[in-house]
Amino acid sequence: MKTEATTEPDPNAVAQVAQHALANSDGALAIYRLEKRKAVAVIRPIADNGAYRSWASYGVSDRRSVSSRNGILTSTRGLGNDLISSDLSALLSLVADRKEGEAQIEQRYLDGENQIVTIASDCTVTRGDRAHFATPVEPHVHVTRMTAACNQDTQTVNNWYLVTDSGDIVQSRHWAGPDFGYSTLQRLR
């Protein structure tokens, strides 16, 4: 997973990797993007632990990984100043059920001195419009856009999630921490 890029990744190169991965594998695939770092990767699952799934870059054998729970980033490893863990249960429940409400979340990060810092957020979840979402293997998926405005001590972050009628999050844009900014996780298959 490339993390030190200074320019936007070439969308054609990302599309070529995604097409190669779709043609040469049977399992789940996703695209992961760190906006602030201008990094993007096609990722594949490497482990499941209950409701959590760990992912690593397709076609690369480095030891960097991200973990998610139903399409929402919960942790990172090997990316520097990692997101160690997240408590997103209340938020995930509202989002997956496509319900409005209030939820508290906690995210724990490594700071520059290798100390764990906890950031708590009070989130207001709202339901948006229904839309169509397409992937290379699912061209017509109906989704509802859920938005979470999350107030922290020093800022408000605005996350959004595209949720199917069955409660699966097929794409999310979720604040991943002070060093990462926002991350996007999009299901390909």
N, C-alpha and C. Protein backbone atom coordinates (compact mmCIF):
# COMPACT_ATOMS: atom_id res chain seq x y z
N MET A 1 0.85 -1.16 0.00
CA MET A 1 0.00 0.00 0.00
C MET A 1 0.89 1.23 0.00
N LYS A 2 0.83 2.01 -1.02
CA LYS A 2 1.69 3.18 -1.16
C LYS A 2 1.18 4.30 -0.27
N THR A 3 2.05 4.87 0.57
CA THR A 3 1.59 5.92 1.48
C THR A 3 2.40 7.20 1.39
N GLU A 4 3.46 7.23 0.64
CA GLU A 4 4.32 8.41 0.62
C GLU A 4 4.17 9.23 -0.66
N ALA A 5 3.11 9.01 -1.42
CA ALA A 5 2.94 9.73 -2.68
C ALA A 5 2.71 11.21 -2.44
N THR A 6 3.19 12.03 -3.36
CA THR A 6 2.98 13.47 -3.24
C THR A 6 2.02 13.98 -4.29
N THR A 7 1.66 13.16 -5.27
CA THR A 7 0.69 13.54 -6.28
C THR A 7 -0.44 12.53 -6.27
N GLU A 8 -1.54 12.91 -6.92
CA GLU A 8 -2.67 11.99 -7.00
C GLU A 8 -2.27 10.73 -7.77
N PRO A 9 -2.74 9.57 -7.34
CA PRO A 9 -2.47 8.34 -8.08
C PRO A 9 -3.11 8.42 -9.47
N ASP A 10 -2.48 7.80 -10.44
CA ASP A 10 -3.02 7.76 -11.79
C ASP A 10 -4.27 6.88 -11.80
N PRO A 11 -5.45 7.46 -12.10
CA PRO A 11 -6.68 6.66 -12.06
C PRO A 11 -6.66 5.52 -13.07
N ASN A 12 -5.97 5.69 -14.19
CA ASN A 12 -5.88 4.60 -15.17
C ASN A 12 -5.07 3.44 -14.61
N ALA A 13 -4.00 3.73 -13.89
CA ALA A 13 -3.19 2.67 -13.29
C ALA A 13 -4.00 1.93 -12.23
N VAL A 14 -4.75 2.67 -11.41
CA VAL A 14 -5.60 2.03 -10.40
C VAL A 14 -6.64 1.15 -11.07
N ALA A 15 -7.26 1.65 -12.14
CA ALA A 15 -8.27 0.88 -12.86
C ALA A 15 -7.67 -0.40 -13.45
N GLN A 16 -6.44 -0.31 -13.97
CA GLN A 16 -5.79 -1.50 -14.53
C GLN A 16 -5.52 -2.55 -13.45
N VAL A 17 -5.06 -2.11 -12.29
CA VAL A 17 -4.83 -3.05 -11.19
C VAL A 17 -6.16 -3.67 -10.76
N ALA A 18 -7.21 -2.85 -10.66
CA ALA A 18 -8.52 -3.37 -10.27
C ALA A 18 -9.03 -4.39 -11.29
N GLN A 19 -8.90 -4.09 -12.57
CA GLN A 19 -9.34 -5.03 -13.61
C GLN A 19 -8.55 -6.33 -13.54
N HIS A 20 -7.24 -6.23 -13.34
CA HIS A 20 -6.40 -7.42 -13.22
C HIS A 20 -6.83 -8.25 -12.01
N ALA A 21 -7.06 -7.59 -10.90
CA ALA A 21 -7.47 -8.30 -9.68
C ALA A 21 -8.81 -8.98 -9.87
N LEU A 22 -9.77 -8.30 -10.49
CA LEU A 22 -11.09 -8.89 -10.73
C LEU A 22 -11.00 -10.09 -11.67
N ALA A 23 -10.14 -10.01 -12.67
CA ALA A 23 -10.01 -11.09 -13.64
C ALA A 23 -9.24 -12.29 -13.10
N ASN A 24 -8.38 -12.07 -12.11
CA ASN A 24 -7.47 -13.13 -11.66
C ASN A 24 -7.69 -13.59 -10.23
N SER A 25 -8.82 -13.23 -9.65
CA SER A 25 -9.12 -13.70 -8.30
C SER A 25 -10.62 -13.92 -8.17
N ASP A 26 -10.99 -14.72 -7.18
CA ASP A 26 -12.41 -15.02 -6.97
C ASP A 26 -13.00 -14.30 -5.78
N GLY A 27 -12.17 -13.87 -4.87
CA GLY A 27 -12.65 -13.36 -3.59
C GLY A 27 -13.03 -11.90 -3.60
N ALA A 28 -13.30 -11.42 -2.41
CA ALA A 28 -13.66 -10.02 -2.21
C ALA A 28 -12.50 -9.12 -2.58
N LEU A 29 -12.82 -7.96 -3.11
CA LEU A 29 -11.83 -6.93 -3.44
C LEU A 29 -12.44 -5.57 -3.12
N ALA A 30 -11.58 -4.62 -2.81
CA ALA A 30 -12.05 -3.26 -2.53
C ALA A 30 -10.96 -2.28 -2.97
N ILE A 31 -11.33 -1.02 -3.03
CA ILE A 31 -10.37 0.06 -3.25
C ILE A 31 -10.31 0.86 -1.97
N TYR A 32 -9.09 1.15 -1.51
CA TYR A 32 -8.88 1.92 -0.29
C TYR A 32 -8.09 3.17 -0.65
N ARG A 33 -8.54 4.32 -0.16
CA ARG A 33 -7.88 5.59 -0.47
C ARG A 33 -7.69 6.40 0.79
N LEU A 34 -6.48 6.94 0.96
CA LEU A 34 -6.19 7.91 2.00
C LEU A 34 -6.04 9.26 1.33
N GLU A 35 -7.03 10.13 1.51
CA GLU A 35 -7.06 11.40 0.78
C GLU A 35 -5.87 12.30 1.09
N LYS A 36 -5.57 12.49 2.36
CA LYS A 36 -4.51 13.42 2.76
C LYS A 36 -3.14 12.97 2.23
N ARG A 37 -2.92 11.67 2.20
CA ARG A 37 -1.64 11.14 1.72
C ARG A 37 -1.63 10.90 0.21
N LYS A 38 -2.77 11.11 -0.42
CA LYS A 38 -2.89 10.91 -1.87
C LYS A 38 -2.45 9.50 -2.25
N ALA A 39 -2.90 8.52 -1.49
CA ALA A 39 -2.54 7.13 -1.72
C ALA A 39 -3.80 6.32 -1.99
N VAL A 40 -3.68 5.36 -2.88
CA VAL A 40 -4.81 4.49 -3.21
C VAL A 40 -4.27 3.09 -3.49
N ALA A 41 -5.07 2.07 -3.13
CA ALA A 41 -4.65 0.69 -3.36
C ALA A 41 -5.87 -0.18 -3.60
N VAL A 42 -5.71 -1.17 -4.45
CA VAL A 42 -6.68 -2.25 -4.55
C VAL A 42 -6.31 -3.23 -3.46
N ILE A 43 -7.28 -3.60 -2.62
CA ILE A 43 -6.98 -4.46 -1.47
C ILE A 43 -7.80 -5.75 -1.52
N ARG A 44 -7.25 -6.77 -0.88
CA ARG A 44 -7.89 -8.08 -0.80
C ARG A 44 -7.88 -8.54 0.65
N PRO A 45 -8.86 -9.35 1.05
CA PRO A 45 -8.89 -9.81 2.44
C PRO A 45 -7.74 -10.77 2.73
N ILE A 46 -7.17 -10.62 3.94
CA ILE A 46 -6.12 -11.55 4.36
C ILE A 46 -6.52 -12.31 5.61
N ALA A 47 -7.55 -11.83 6.33
CA ALA A 47 -8.02 -12.52 7.53
C ALA A 47 -9.38 -11.99 7.93
N ASP A 48 -10.18 -12.87 8.52
CA ASP A 48 -11.46 -12.49 9.13
C ASP A 48 -11.41 -12.87 10.59
N ASN A 49 -11.93 -11.99 11.45
CA ASN A 49 -11.99 -12.25 12.88
C ASN A 49 -13.36 -11.77 13.35
N GLY A 50 -14.33 -12.68 13.36
CA GLY A 50 -15.70 -12.29 13.70
C GLY A 50 -16.22 -11.31 12.67
N ALA A 51 -16.68 -10.15 13.13
CA ALA A 51 -17.24 -9.13 12.24
C ALA A 51 -16.16 -8.29 11.56
N TYR A 52 -14.89 -8.50 11.91
CA TYR A 52 -13.80 -7.68 11.39
C TYR A 52 -13.09 -8.39 10.24
N ARG A 53 -12.69 -7.61 9.25
CA ARG A 53 -11.94 -8.15 8.11
C ARG A 53 -10.66 -7.33 7.95
N SER A 54 -9.53 -8.02 7.82
CA SER A 54 -8.25 -7.36 7.55
C SER A 54 -7.94 -7.48 6.07
N TRP A 55 -7.40 -6.39 5.51
CA TRP A 55 -7.12 -6.27 4.09
C TRP A 55 -5.66 -5.88 3.88
N ALA A 56 -5.10 -6.31 2.75
CA ALA A 56 -3.76 -5.87 2.33
C ALA A 56 -3.80 -5.62 0.83
N SER A 57 -2.81 -4.91 0.34
CA SER A 57 -2.76 -4.57 -1.09
C SER A 57 -2.73 -5.81 -1.96
N TYR A 58 -3.48 -5.78 -3.04
CA TYR A 58 -3.48 -6.85 -4.03
C TYR A 58 -2.15 -6.82 -4.78
N GLY A 59 -1.51 -7.98 -4.90
CA GLY A 59 -0.29 -8.09 -5.68
C GLY A 59 0.96 -7.58 -5.00
N VAL A 60 0.88 -7.24 -3.72
CA VAL A 60 2.02 -6.72 -2.97
C VAL A 60 2.15 -7.54 -1.69
N SER A 61 3.38 -7.83 -1.28
CA SER A 61 3.56 -8.66 -0.09
C SER A 61 4.10 -7.89 1.10
N ASP A 62 3.90 -6.56 1.14
CA ASP A 62 4.39 -5.83 2.31
C ASP A 62 3.46 -6.09 3.50
N ARG A 63 3.83 -5.60 4.66
CA ARG A 63 3.11 -5.93 5.88
C ARG A 63 2.17 -4.81 6.32
N ARG A 64 1.73 -4.00 5.41
CA ARG A 64 0.78 -2.94 5.72
C ARG A 64 -0.63 -3.49 5.54
N SER A 65 -1.53 -3.08 6.44
CA SER A 65 -2.90 -3.58 6.33
C SER A 65 -3.88 -2.59 6.93
N VAL A 66 -5.14 -2.78 6.57
CA VAL A 66 -6.24 -2.04 7.16
C VAL A 66 -7.29 -3.05 7.57
N SER A 67 -8.09 -2.71 8.57
CA SER A 67 -9.19 -3.57 8.99
C SER A 67 -10.48 -2.78 8.95
N SER A 68 -11.57 -3.52 8.69
CA SER A 68 -12.87 -2.88 8.59
C SER A 68 -13.93 -3.74 9.27
N ARG A 69 -15.03 -3.10 9.55
CA ARG A 69 -16.20 -3.80 10.07
C ARG A 69 -17.38 -3.32 9.22
N ASN A 70 -17.95 -4.21 8.45
CA ASN A 70 -19.05 -3.91 7.53
C ASN A 70 -18.78 -2.66 6.70
N GLY A 71 -17.57 -2.55 6.15
CA GLY A 71 -17.28 -1.47 5.23
C GLY A 71 -16.78 -0.18 5.85
N ILE A 72 -16.58 -0.14 7.16
CA ILE A 72 -16.05 1.06 7.83
C ILE A 72 -14.67 0.74 8.39
N LEU A 73 -13.71 1.59 8.11
CA LEU A 73 -12.35 1.42 8.61
C LEU A 73 -12.34 1.40 10.14
N THR A 74 -11.64 0.41 10.72
CA THR A 74 -11.53 0.33 12.18
C THR A 74 -10.09 0.40 12.67
N SER A 75 -9.11 0.03 11.82
CA SER A 75 -7.71 0.11 12.25
C SER A 75 -6.79 0.03 11.04
N THR A 76 -5.53 0.44 11.27
CA THR A 76 -4.48 0.32 10.25
C THR A 76 -3.23 -0.22 10.92
N ARG A 77 -2.36 -0.83 10.12
CA ARG A 77 -1.07 -1.30 10.61
C ARG A 77 -0.02 -1.04 9.55
N GLY A 78 1.14 -0.54 10.00
CA GLY A 78 2.27 -0.35 9.12
C GLY A 78 2.23 0.90 8.26
N LEU A 79 1.30 1.80 8.53
CA LEU A 79 1.18 3.02 7.72
C LEU A 79 1.78 4.24 8.41
N GLY A 80 2.23 4.09 9.64
CA GLY A 80 2.76 5.23 10.40
C GLY A 80 1.65 5.97 11.12
N ASN A 81 1.84 6.28 12.39
CA ASN A 81 0.82 6.93 13.22
C ASN A 81 -0.53 6.22 13.05
N ASP A 82 -0.50 4.91 13.21
CA ASP A 82 -1.64 4.06 12.89
C ASP A 82 -2.87 4.31 13.75
N LEU A 83 -4.02 4.02 13.15
CA LEU A 83 -5.29 3.92 13.85
C LEU A 83 -5.26 2.54 14.52
N ILE A 84 -5.11 2.52 15.84
CA ILE A 84 -4.92 1.26 16.57
C ILE A 84 -6.23 0.49 16.70
N SER A 85 -7.30 1.19 17.07
CA SER A 85 -8.60 0.54 17.21
C SER A 85 -9.69 1.60 17.21
N SER A 86 -10.92 1.13 17.00
CA SER A 86 -12.08 2.02 16.98
C SER A 86 -13.25 1.33 17.65
N ASP A 87 -14.04 2.11 18.39
CA ASP A 87 -15.31 1.63 18.91
C ASP A 87 -16.40 2.36 18.14
N LEU A 88 -16.96 1.67 17.15
CA LEU A 88 -17.95 2.26 16.25
C LEU A 88 -19.31 1.58 16.34
N SER A 89 -19.54 0.76 17.35
CA SER A 89 -20.74 -0.08 17.40
C SER A 89 -22.04 0.71 17.28
N ALA A 90 -22.18 1.79 18.05
CA ALA A 90 -23.42 2.57 18.02
C ALA A 90 -23.62 3.22 16.65
N LEU A 91 -22.55 3.77 16.09
CA LEU A 91 -22.62 4.38 14.76
C LEU A 91 -22.97 3.34 13.71
N LEU A 92 -22.29 2.21 13.74
CA LEU A 92 -22.51 1.16 12.76
C LEU A 92 -23.95 0.65 12.81
N SER A 93 -24.51 0.52 14.00
CA SER A 93 -25.89 0.07 14.14
C SER A 93 -26.86 1.02 13.44
N LEU A 94 -26.71 2.32 13.69
CA LEU A 94 -27.58 3.30 13.04
C LEU A 94 -27.40 3.29 11.52
N VAL A 95 -26.16 3.30 11.08
CA VAL A 95 -25.87 3.38 9.65
C VAL A 95 -26.39 2.14 8.92
N ALA A 96 -26.08 0.95 9.42
CA ALA A 96 -26.50 -0.29 8.76
C ALA A 96 -28.02 -0.42 8.72
N ASP A 97 -28.70 0.08 9.75
CA ASP A 97 -30.17 0.04 9.78
C ASP A 97 -30.80 1.22 9.06
N ARG A 98 -29.95 2.13 8.55
CA ARG A 98 -30.40 3.32 7.83
C ARG A 98 -31.35 4.16 8.70
N LYS A 99 -30.95 4.34 9.96
CA LYS A 99 -31.75 5.11 10.92
C LYS A 99 -31.00 6.37 11.33
N GLU A 100 -31.76 7.41 11.63
CA GLU A 100 -31.17 8.65 12.15
C GLU A 100 -31.03 8.54 13.66
N GLY A 101 -30.09 9.28 14.22
CA GLY A 101 -29.91 9.27 15.66
C GLY A 101 -28.56 9.81 16.07
N GLU A 102 -28.24 9.61 17.34
CA GLU A 102 -26.98 10.07 17.93
C GLU A 102 -26.14 8.85 18.30
N ALA A 103 -24.83 8.97 18.09
CA ALA A 103 -23.91 7.88 18.43
C ALA A 103 -22.58 8.47 18.86
N GLN A 104 -21.97 7.81 19.83
CA GLN A 104 -20.62 8.19 20.24
C GLN A 104 -19.65 7.15 19.70
N ILE A 105 -18.49 7.63 19.24
CA ILE A 105 -17.44 6.73 18.77
C ILE A 105 -16.13 7.13 19.43
N GLU A 106 -15.22 6.17 19.50
CA GLU A 106 -13.85 6.43 19.97
C GLU A 106 -12.88 5.82 18.97
N GLN A 107 -11.83 6.58 18.66
CA GLN A 107 -10.77 6.11 17.80
C GLN A 107 -9.45 6.32 18.53
N ARG A 108 -8.59 5.30 18.50
CA ARG A 108 -7.31 5.35 19.20
C ARG A 108 -6.18 5.28 18.18
N TYR A 109 -5.24 6.24 18.32
CA TYR A 109 -4.15 6.41 17.36
C TYR A 109 -2.82 6.37 18.06
N LEU A 110 -1.79 6.05 17.28
CA LEU A 110 -0.42 6.26 17.74
C LEU A 110 0.00 7.66 17.32
N ASP A 111 0.54 8.42 18.27
CA ASP A 111 1.03 9.76 17.92
C ASP A 111 2.49 9.65 17.48
N GLY A 112 3.13 10.77 17.22
CA GLY A 112 4.51 10.79 16.76
C GLY A 112 5.51 10.25 17.76
N GLU A 113 5.10 10.11 19.03
CA GLU A 113 5.99 9.57 20.06
C GLU A 113 5.60 8.15 20.46
N ASN A 114 4.82 7.49 19.60
CA ASN A 114 4.40 6.11 19.81
C ASN A 114 3.51 5.94 21.04
N GLN A 115 2.76 6.96 21.38
CA GLN A 115 1.81 6.91 22.48
C GLN A 115 0.39 6.83 21.91
N ILE A 116 -0.48 6.09 22.60
CA ILE A 116 -1.86 5.98 22.14
C ILE A 116 -2.65 7.19 22.61
N VAL A 117 -3.34 7.82 21.66
CA VAL A 117 -4.19 8.97 21.92
C VAL A 117 -5.61 8.59 21.53
N THR A 118 -6.58 8.86 22.41
CA THR A 118 -7.98 8.55 22.12
C THR A 118 -8.71 9.83 21.72
N ILE A 119 -9.43 9.75 20.61
CA ILE A 119 -10.27 10.86 20.17
C ILE A 119 -11.72 10.39 20.22
N ALA A 120 -12.53 11.08 21.03
CA ALA A 120 -13.96 10.76 21.13
C ALA A 120 -14.74 11.71 20.25
N SER A 121 -15.81 11.20 19.65
CA SER A 121 -16.66 12.01 18.78
C SER A 121 -18.12 11.76 19.13
N ASP A 122 -18.90 12.83 19.15
CA ASP A 122 -20.35 12.75 19.28
C ASP A 122 -20.93 12.97 17.89
N CYS A 123 -21.58 11.95 17.36
CA CYS A 123 -22.02 11.97 15.96
C CYS A 123 -23.53 12.08 15.84
N THR A 124 -23.97 12.90 14.91
CA THR A 124 -25.38 12.98 14.53
C THR A 124 -25.52 12.33 13.17
N VAL A 125 -26.29 11.25 13.13
CA VAL A 125 -26.46 10.47 11.90
C VAL A 125 -27.77 10.87 11.24
N THR A 126 -27.70 11.19 9.95
CA THR A 126 -28.89 11.55 9.18
C THR A 126 -28.98 10.68 7.94
N ARG A 127 -30.21 10.49 7.51
CA ARG A 127 -30.49 9.66 6.34
C ARG A 127 -30.67 10.56 5.13
N GLY A 128 -30.00 10.20 4.04
CA GLY A 128 -30.09 10.98 2.81
C GLY A 128 -30.92 10.26 1.77
N ASP A 129 -30.68 10.63 0.54
CA ASP A 129 -31.44 10.10 -0.59
C ASP A 129 -31.01 8.70 -0.96
N ARG A 130 -31.92 8.01 -1.66
CA ARG A 130 -31.59 6.72 -2.27
C ARG A 130 -30.96 6.99 -3.62
N ALA A 131 -30.08 6.10 -4.03
CA ALA A 131 -29.39 6.26 -5.31
C ALA A 131 -29.02 4.88 -5.84
N HIS A 132 -28.45 4.87 -7.03
CA HIS A 132 -27.91 3.64 -7.62
C HIS A 132 -26.41 3.65 -7.43
N PHE A 133 -25.85 2.48 -7.18
CA PHE A 133 -24.41 2.31 -7.01
C PHE A 133 -24.02 1.15 -7.91
N ALA A 134 -22.91 1.28 -8.60
CA ALA A 134 -22.48 0.23 -9.51
C ALA A 134 -21.04 -0.18 -9.21
N THR A 135 -20.80 -1.47 -9.26
CA THR A 135 -19.45 -2.01 -9.21
C THR A 135 -19.25 -2.85 -10.47
N PRO A 136 -18.04 -3.28 -10.76
CA PRO A 136 -17.84 -4.10 -11.95
C PRO A 136 -18.65 -5.39 -11.95
N VAL A 137 -19.00 -5.91 -10.78
CA VAL A 137 -19.77 -7.16 -10.72
C VAL A 137 -21.20 -6.96 -10.25
N GLU A 138 -21.55 -5.77 -9.78
CA GLU A 138 -22.91 -5.46 -9.36
C GLU A 138 -23.32 -4.12 -9.98
N PRO A 139 -23.85 -4.16 -11.22
CA PRO A 139 -24.11 -2.89 -11.91
C PRO A 139 -25.31 -2.10 -11.39
N HIS A 140 -26.23 -2.72 -10.66
CA HIS A 140 -27.44 -2.01 -10.23
C HIS A 140 -27.76 -2.31 -8.77
N VAL A 141 -27.13 -1.59 -7.88
CA VAL A 141 -27.38 -1.75 -6.45
C VAL A 141 -28.05 -0.47 -5.94
N HIS A 142 -29.17 -0.63 -5.23
CA HIS A 142 -29.83 0.52 -4.62
C HIS A 142 -29.19 0.77 -3.26
N VAL A 143 -28.84 2.02 -2.99
CA VAL A 143 -28.21 2.39 -1.73
C VAL A 143 -28.89 3.62 -1.15
N THR A 144 -28.73 3.77 0.16
CA THR A 144 -29.15 4.97 0.87
C THR A 144 -27.89 5.64 1.40
N ARG A 145 -27.80 6.95 1.21
CA ARG A 145 -26.64 7.69 1.71
C ARG A 145 -26.92 8.11 3.14
N MET A 146 -26.06 7.65 4.05
CA MET A 146 -26.14 8.03 5.46
C MET A 146 -24.96 8.95 5.75
N THR A 147 -25.22 10.00 6.51
CA THR A 147 -24.18 10.98 6.85
C THR A 147 -24.04 11.05 8.36
N ALA A 148 -22.81 11.16 8.84
CA ALA A 148 -22.54 11.32 10.27
C ALA A 148 -21.67 12.55 10.47
N ALA A 149 -22.24 13.58 11.08
CA ALA A 149 -21.48 14.78 11.46
C ALA A 149 -20.96 14.52 12.87
N CYS A 150 -19.65 14.38 13.02
CA CYS A 150 -19.05 13.95 14.28
C CYS A 150 -18.24 15.09 14.90
N ASN A 151 -18.70 15.55 16.06
CA ASN A 151 -18.05 16.64 16.78
C ASN A 151 -16.98 16.09 17.71
N GLN A 152 -15.75 16.61 17.54
CA GLN A 152 -14.64 16.28 18.41
C GLN A 152 -14.30 17.53 19.20
N ASP A 153 -13.30 17.46 20.06
CA ASP A 153 -12.92 18.64 20.85
C ASP A 153 -12.55 19.84 19.99
N THR A 154 -11.84 19.62 18.90
CA THR A 154 -11.30 20.74 18.13
C THR A 154 -11.86 20.88 16.72
N GLN A 155 -12.70 19.94 16.28
CA GLN A 155 -13.22 20.01 14.92
C GLN A 155 -14.46 19.14 14.77
N THR A 156 -15.14 19.34 13.65
CA THR A 156 -16.24 18.46 13.25
C THR A 156 -15.82 17.78 11.96
N VAL A 157 -15.98 16.46 11.92
CA VAL A 157 -15.69 15.71 10.70
C VAL A 157 -17.00 15.18 10.15
N ASN A 158 -17.09 15.14 8.83
CA ASN A 158 -18.31 14.70 8.16
C ASN A 158 -18.04 13.43 7.38
N ASN A 159 -18.60 12.34 7.87
CA ASN A 159 -18.44 11.03 7.25
C ASN A 159 -19.71 10.69 6.47
N TRP A 160 -19.57 9.84 5.46
CA TRP A 160 -20.76 9.35 4.77
C TRP A 160 -20.58 7.89 4.39
N TYR A 161 -21.73 7.23 4.20
CA TYR A 161 -21.76 5.79 3.96
C TYR A 161 -22.87 5.50 2.95
N LEU A 162 -22.61 4.63 1.98
CA LEU A 162 -23.62 4.16 1.05
C LEU A 162 -24.02 2.76 1.49
N VAL A 163 -25.31 2.60 1.83
CA VAL A 163 -25.78 1.38 2.49
C VAL A 163 -26.86 0.72 1.63
N THR A 164 -26.71 -0.59 1.40
CA THR A 164 -27.72 -1.34 0.63
C THR A 164 -28.95 -1.57 1.49
N ASP A 165 -30.02 -2.06 0.85
CA ASP A 165 -31.25 -2.36 1.58
C ASP A 165 -31.04 -3.45 2.63
N SER A 166 -30.03 -4.31 2.42
CA SER A 166 -29.75 -5.37 3.40
C SER A 166 -28.78 -4.91 4.49
N GLY A 167 -28.36 -3.64 4.47
CA GLY A 167 -27.51 -3.11 5.53
C GLY A 167 -26.02 -3.20 5.28
N ASP A 168 -25.62 -3.64 4.09
CA ASP A 168 -24.19 -3.70 3.75
C ASP A 168 -23.70 -2.33 3.33
N ILE A 169 -22.57 -1.92 3.84
CA ILE A 169 -21.97 -0.64 3.47
C ILE A 169 -21.02 -0.92 2.30
N VAL A 170 -21.40 -0.43 1.11
CA VAL A 170 -20.61 -0.71 -0.09
C VAL A 170 -19.55 0.35 -0.35
N GLN A 171 -19.73 1.53 0.25
CA GLN A 171 -18.70 2.57 0.16
C GLN A 171 -18.82 3.46 1.38
N SER A 172 -17.66 3.84 1.93
CA SER A 172 -17.66 4.74 3.08
C SER A 172 -16.54 5.76 2.93
N ARG A 173 -16.80 6.96 3.41
CA ARG A 173 -15.77 7.99 3.54
C ARG A 173 -15.79 8.37 5.01
N HIS A 174 -14.74 7.97 5.72
CA HIS A 174 -14.72 8.04 7.18
C HIS A 174 -13.41 8.68 7.62
N TRP A 175 -13.48 9.60 8.58
CA TRP A 175 -12.27 10.24 9.08
C TRP A 175 -11.39 9.19 9.75
N ALA A 176 -10.15 9.10 9.29
CA ALA A 176 -9.25 8.05 9.75
C ALA A 176 -8.21 8.53 10.74
N GLY A 177 -8.21 9.83 11.05
CA GLY A 177 -7.28 10.34 12.05
C GLY A 177 -6.54 11.57 11.60
N PRO A 178 -5.83 12.21 12.56
CA PRO A 178 -5.15 13.46 12.26
C PRO A 178 -4.07 13.33 11.19
N ASP A 179 -3.40 12.21 11.12
CA ASP A 179 -2.33 12.04 10.14
C ASP A 179 -2.87 11.60 8.78
N PHE A 180 -3.96 10.83 8.78
CA PHE A 180 -4.52 10.28 7.55
C PHE A 180 -5.56 11.18 6.90
N GLY A 181 -6.31 11.93 7.70
CA GLY A 181 -7.47 12.64 7.15
C GLY A 181 -8.57 11.63 6.86
N TYR A 182 -9.26 11.83 5.76
CA TYR A 182 -10.36 10.93 5.40
C TYR A 182 -9.84 9.73 4.62
N SER A 183 -10.52 8.59 4.82
CA SER A 183 -10.24 7.39 4.04
C SER A 183 -11.53 6.96 3.36
N THR A 184 -11.39 6.41 2.17
CA THR A 184 -12.54 5.88 1.45
C THR A 184 -12.31 4.40 1.23
N LEU A 185 -13.32 3.62 1.53
CA LEU A 185 -13.29 2.18 1.31
C LEU A 185 -14.46 1.85 0.39
N GLN A 186 -14.18 1.30 -0.79
CA GLN A 186 -15.22 1.00 -1.76
C GLN A 186 -15.14 -0.46 -2.17
N ARG A 187 -16.24 -1.16 -2.01
CA ARG A 187 -16.30 -2.57 -2.39
C ARG A 187 -16.31 -2.71 -3.91
N LEU A 188 -15.45 -3.57 -4.42
CA LEU A 188 -15.49 -3.95 -5.83
C LEU A 188 -16.25 -5.25 -6.02
N ARG A 189 -15.99 -6.18 -5.10
CA ARG A 189 -16.67 -7.48 -5.15
C ARG A 189 -16.68 -8.06 -3.76
